[in-house]
N, C-alpha and C. Protein backbone atom coordinates (compact mmCIF):
# COMPACT_ATOMS: atom_id res chain seq x y z
N MET A 1 -119.73 173.65 168.99
CA MET A 1 -118.75 172.66 168.61
C MET A 1 -118.53 171.71 169.78
N ASN A 2 -118.53 170.42 169.53
CA ASN A 2 -118.33 169.41 170.56
C ASN A 2 -116.83 169.18 170.76
N LYS A 3 -116.32 169.65 171.91
CA LYS A 3 -114.88 169.51 172.18
C LYS A 3 -114.50 168.10 172.61
N ASN A 4 -115.47 167.28 172.97
CA ASN A 4 -115.19 165.93 173.46
C ASN A 4 -115.32 164.88 172.36
N LYS A 5 -115.37 165.29 171.11
CA LYS A 5 -115.53 164.34 170.01
C LYS A 5 -114.27 163.48 169.89
N THR A 6 -114.48 162.18 169.76
CA THR A 6 -113.39 161.24 169.60
C THR A 6 -113.45 160.68 168.19
N TYR A 7 -112.33 160.65 167.52
CA TYR A 7 -112.27 160.12 166.17
C TYR A 7 -111.76 158.69 166.19
N LYS A 8 -112.39 157.86 165.36
CA LYS A 8 -111.96 156.47 165.23
C LYS A 8 -110.82 156.40 164.22
N PRO A 9 -109.94 155.43 164.35
CA PRO A 9 -108.87 155.27 163.36
C PRO A 9 -109.46 154.96 161.98
N ALA A 10 -108.78 155.41 160.96
CA ALA A 10 -109.22 155.13 159.59
C ALA A 10 -109.11 153.65 159.31
N PRO A 11 -109.99 153.13 158.45
CA PRO A 11 -109.86 151.72 158.07
C PRO A 11 -108.48 151.47 157.46
N LYS A 12 -108.00 150.24 157.57
CA LYS A 12 -106.66 149.90 157.11
C LYS A 12 -106.42 150.26 155.65
N TYR A 13 -107.40 150.00 154.77
CA TYR A 13 -107.18 150.30 153.35
C TYR A 13 -107.01 151.80 153.10
N ILE A 14 -107.67 152.62 153.90
CA ILE A 14 -107.50 154.07 153.76
C ILE A 14 -106.15 154.50 154.32
N ALA A 15 -105.80 153.99 155.49
CA ALA A 15 -104.51 154.32 156.09
C ALA A 15 -103.37 153.89 155.18
N ASP A 16 -103.47 152.69 154.59
CA ASP A 16 -102.44 152.21 153.68
C ASP A 16 -102.34 153.10 152.43
N ALA A 17 -103.49 153.51 151.92
CA ALA A 17 -103.49 154.38 150.74
C ALA A 17 -102.84 155.72 151.04
N ILE A 18 -103.09 156.26 152.22
CA ILE A 18 -102.47 157.54 152.61
C ILE A 18 -100.95 157.38 152.74
N ILE A 19 -100.52 156.30 153.36
CA ILE A 19 -99.08 156.06 153.55
C ILE A 19 -98.37 155.89 152.21
N SER A 20 -99.00 155.20 151.28
CA SER A 20 -98.34 154.94 149.99
C SER A 20 -98.59 156.04 148.95
N SER A 21 -99.34 157.08 149.31
CA SER A 21 -99.63 158.14 148.33
C SER A 21 -98.40 158.99 148.06
N GLN A 22 -98.44 159.67 146.93
CA GLN A 22 -97.33 160.52 146.51
C GLN A 22 -97.84 161.95 146.37
N LEU A 23 -97.12 162.90 146.92
CA LEU A 23 -97.48 164.31 146.83
C LEU A 23 -97.20 164.82 145.43
N ILE A 24 -98.18 165.47 144.81
CA ILE A 24 -98.03 166.04 143.48
C ILE A 24 -98.17 167.55 143.60
N ASP A 25 -97.18 168.28 143.10
CA ASP A 25 -97.23 169.73 143.16
C ASP A 25 -98.37 170.26 142.30
N ASP A 26 -99.09 171.22 142.82
CA ASP A 26 -100.16 171.89 142.08
C ASP A 26 -99.53 173.08 141.38
N PHE A 27 -99.48 173.04 140.03
CA PHE A 27 -98.81 174.11 139.30
C PHE A 27 -99.74 175.24 138.93
N LEU A 28 -101.03 175.12 139.22
CA LEU A 28 -101.99 176.18 138.91
C LEU A 28 -102.39 176.92 140.17
N PRO A 29 -102.46 178.24 140.10
CA PRO A 29 -102.92 179.01 141.26
C PRO A 29 -104.44 178.97 141.35
N PRO A 30 -105.01 179.46 142.43
CA PRO A 30 -106.46 179.51 142.52
C PRO A 30 -107.04 180.44 141.46
N PRO A 31 -108.31 180.27 141.09
CA PRO A 31 -108.90 181.09 140.03
C PRO A 31 -108.74 182.59 140.22
N GLU A 32 -108.74 183.07 141.47
CA GLU A 32 -108.62 184.50 141.73
C GLU A 32 -107.28 185.08 141.27
N ASP A 33 -106.26 184.24 141.18
CA ASP A 33 -104.91 184.71 140.81
C ASP A 33 -104.59 184.52 139.33
N LEU A 34 -105.57 184.19 138.52
CA LEU A 34 -105.33 183.88 137.11
C LEU A 34 -105.51 185.11 136.22
N VAL A 35 -104.73 186.16 136.48
CA VAL A 35 -104.86 187.39 135.70
C VAL A 35 -103.47 187.94 135.37
N LYS A 36 -103.22 188.22 134.08
CA LYS A 36 -102.00 188.92 133.69
C LYS A 36 -102.19 189.47 132.27
N LYS A 37 -101.44 190.50 131.93
CA LYS A 37 -101.55 191.12 130.61
C LYS A 37 -100.46 190.60 129.69
N GLU A 38 -100.84 190.31 128.46
CA GLU A 38 -99.91 189.83 127.44
C GLU A 38 -100.55 190.06 126.08
N GLU A 39 -99.75 190.08 125.01
CA GLU A 39 -100.30 190.23 123.67
C GLU A 39 -101.23 189.05 123.38
N ASN A 40 -102.40 189.34 122.83
CA ASN A 40 -103.41 188.31 122.58
C ASN A 40 -103.65 188.10 121.10
N VAL A 41 -104.16 186.91 120.78
CA VAL A 41 -104.60 186.56 119.44
C VAL A 41 -106.03 186.09 119.59
N LYS A 42 -106.95 186.67 118.83
CA LYS A 42 -108.35 186.27 118.91
C LYS A 42 -108.59 185.00 118.11
N ILE A 43 -109.33 184.05 118.72
CA ILE A 43 -109.70 182.80 118.07
C ILE A 43 -111.16 182.51 118.37
N THR A 44 -111.70 181.54 117.69
CA THR A 44 -113.03 181.03 118.01
C THR A 44 -112.84 179.61 118.53
N ILE A 45 -113.47 179.30 119.65
CA ILE A 45 -113.32 177.99 120.27
C ILE A 45 -114.66 177.57 120.87
N SER A 46 -114.95 176.30 120.80
CA SER A 46 -116.16 175.76 121.44
C SER A 46 -115.73 175.06 122.73
N LEU A 47 -116.36 175.44 123.82
CA LEU A 47 -116.08 174.86 125.13
C LEU A 47 -117.35 174.26 125.70
N SER A 48 -117.20 173.35 126.64
CA SER A 48 -118.39 172.76 127.27
C SER A 48 -119.11 173.82 128.09
N LYS A 49 -120.41 173.69 128.13
CA LYS A 49 -121.24 174.62 128.88
C LYS A 49 -120.85 174.63 130.36
N SER A 50 -120.55 173.45 130.90
CA SER A 50 -120.18 173.37 132.32
C SER A 50 -118.86 174.09 132.61
N SER A 51 -117.90 174.00 131.70
CA SER A 51 -116.62 174.70 131.91
C SER A 51 -116.82 176.21 131.87
N VAL A 52 -117.58 176.68 130.91
CA VAL A 52 -117.82 178.13 130.80
C VAL A 52 -118.57 178.62 132.03
N SER A 53 -119.55 177.86 132.49
CA SER A 53 -120.30 178.25 133.70
C SER A 53 -119.38 178.33 134.91
N PHE A 54 -118.47 177.35 135.03
CA PHE A 54 -117.51 177.36 136.13
C PHE A 54 -116.68 178.64 136.11
N PHE A 55 -116.09 178.94 134.95
CA PHE A 55 -115.22 180.11 134.85
C PHE A 55 -116.00 181.41 135.03
N LYS A 56 -117.22 181.48 134.52
CA LYS A 56 -118.03 182.69 134.71
C LYS A 56 -118.28 182.94 136.19
N GLU A 57 -118.61 181.88 136.93
CA GLU A 57 -118.88 182.04 138.36
C GLU A 57 -117.62 182.46 139.12
N LYS A 58 -116.50 181.77 138.87
CA LYS A 58 -115.25 182.10 139.56
C LYS A 58 -114.79 183.52 139.19
N ALA A 59 -114.91 183.87 137.93
CA ALA A 59 -114.48 185.20 137.48
C ALA A 59 -115.37 186.28 138.07
N ARG A 60 -116.67 186.02 138.15
CA ARG A 60 -117.59 186.99 138.74
C ARG A 60 -117.19 187.27 140.20
N LYS A 61 -116.89 186.21 140.94
CA LYS A 61 -116.49 186.37 142.34
C LYS A 61 -115.16 187.11 142.47
N ALA A 62 -114.27 186.91 141.48
CA ALA A 62 -112.96 187.58 141.52
C ALA A 62 -113.01 188.98 140.89
N GLY A 63 -114.13 189.30 140.22
CA GLY A 63 -114.27 190.63 139.62
C GLY A 63 -113.46 190.82 138.35
N ILE A 64 -113.27 189.75 137.58
CA ILE A 64 -112.51 189.84 136.33
C ILE A 64 -113.31 189.18 135.21
N PRO A 65 -112.97 189.46 133.95
CA PRO A 65 -113.66 188.79 132.84
C PRO A 65 -113.34 187.30 132.80
N TYR A 66 -114.34 186.49 132.53
CA TYR A 66 -114.12 185.05 132.51
C TYR A 66 -113.19 184.63 131.38
N GLN A 67 -113.22 185.36 130.25
CA GLN A 67 -112.32 185.01 129.15
C GLN A 67 -110.86 185.17 129.57
N THR A 68 -110.59 186.18 130.37
CA THR A 68 -109.24 186.41 130.87
C THR A 68 -108.80 185.26 131.75
N MET A 69 -109.70 184.78 132.57
CA MET A 69 -109.37 183.67 133.46
C MET A 69 -109.08 182.40 132.65
N ILE A 70 -109.90 182.11 131.65
CA ILE A 70 -109.68 180.94 130.81
C ILE A 70 -108.35 181.05 130.08
N LYS A 71 -108.06 182.23 129.54
CA LYS A 71 -106.79 182.48 128.83
C LYS A 71 -105.61 182.22 129.76
N THR A 72 -105.70 182.68 130.98
CA THR A 72 -104.60 182.52 131.91
C THR A 72 -104.38 181.06 132.29
N VAL A 73 -105.45 180.29 132.45
CA VAL A 73 -105.30 178.86 132.71
C VAL A 73 -104.56 178.19 131.57
N LEU A 74 -104.96 178.49 130.34
CA LEU A 74 -104.30 177.91 129.16
C LEU A 74 -102.84 178.36 129.08
N ASP A 75 -102.57 179.64 129.35
CA ASP A 75 -101.20 180.15 129.32
C ASP A 75 -100.32 179.44 130.33
N ARG A 76 -100.82 179.28 131.55
CA ARG A 76 -100.01 178.64 132.60
C ARG A 76 -99.81 177.16 132.32
N TYR A 77 -100.84 176.52 131.81
CA TYR A 77 -100.73 175.10 131.46
C TYR A 77 -99.67 174.91 130.38
N SER A 78 -99.75 175.69 129.31
CA SER A 78 -98.78 175.53 128.23
C SER A 78 -97.37 175.92 128.68
N SER A 79 -97.27 176.94 129.51
CA SER A 79 -95.96 177.35 130.02
C SER A 79 -95.35 176.24 130.90
N HIS A 80 -96.16 175.65 131.73
CA HIS A 80 -95.66 174.58 132.61
C HIS A 80 -95.08 173.43 131.79
N TYR A 81 -95.82 172.99 130.79
CA TYR A 81 -95.37 171.84 130.00
C TYR A 81 -94.32 172.21 128.97
N ARG A 82 -94.29 173.45 128.53
CA ARG A 82 -93.24 173.90 127.62
C ARG A 82 -91.90 173.89 128.34
N ASN A 83 -91.89 174.24 129.61
CA ASN A 83 -90.65 174.33 130.39
C ASN A 83 -90.21 173.00 131.00
N THR A 84 -91.05 171.96 130.90
CA THR A 84 -90.67 170.68 131.51
C THR A 84 -90.20 169.66 130.48
N ARG A 85 -90.22 170.01 129.24
CA ARG A 85 -89.81 169.04 128.19
C ARG A 85 -88.45 169.36 127.67
């Protein structure tokens, strides 16, 4: 690692964008934390191949079923918006 590295100031348009940006709370936890038990209802749903691949990979790394992870994302999303209206 080069300890003598000097950083140049950000261009004005980037610095201005950072100054005027607004912090948005992230209401979803990381994929590893998307697990909980609740009464389920079985449905049939078509999802994009890329979304299913994403969840399969994240779930494999977390050691949980990918369907459980998808269910938890949907549960948290609906809970967040149900409680904000």
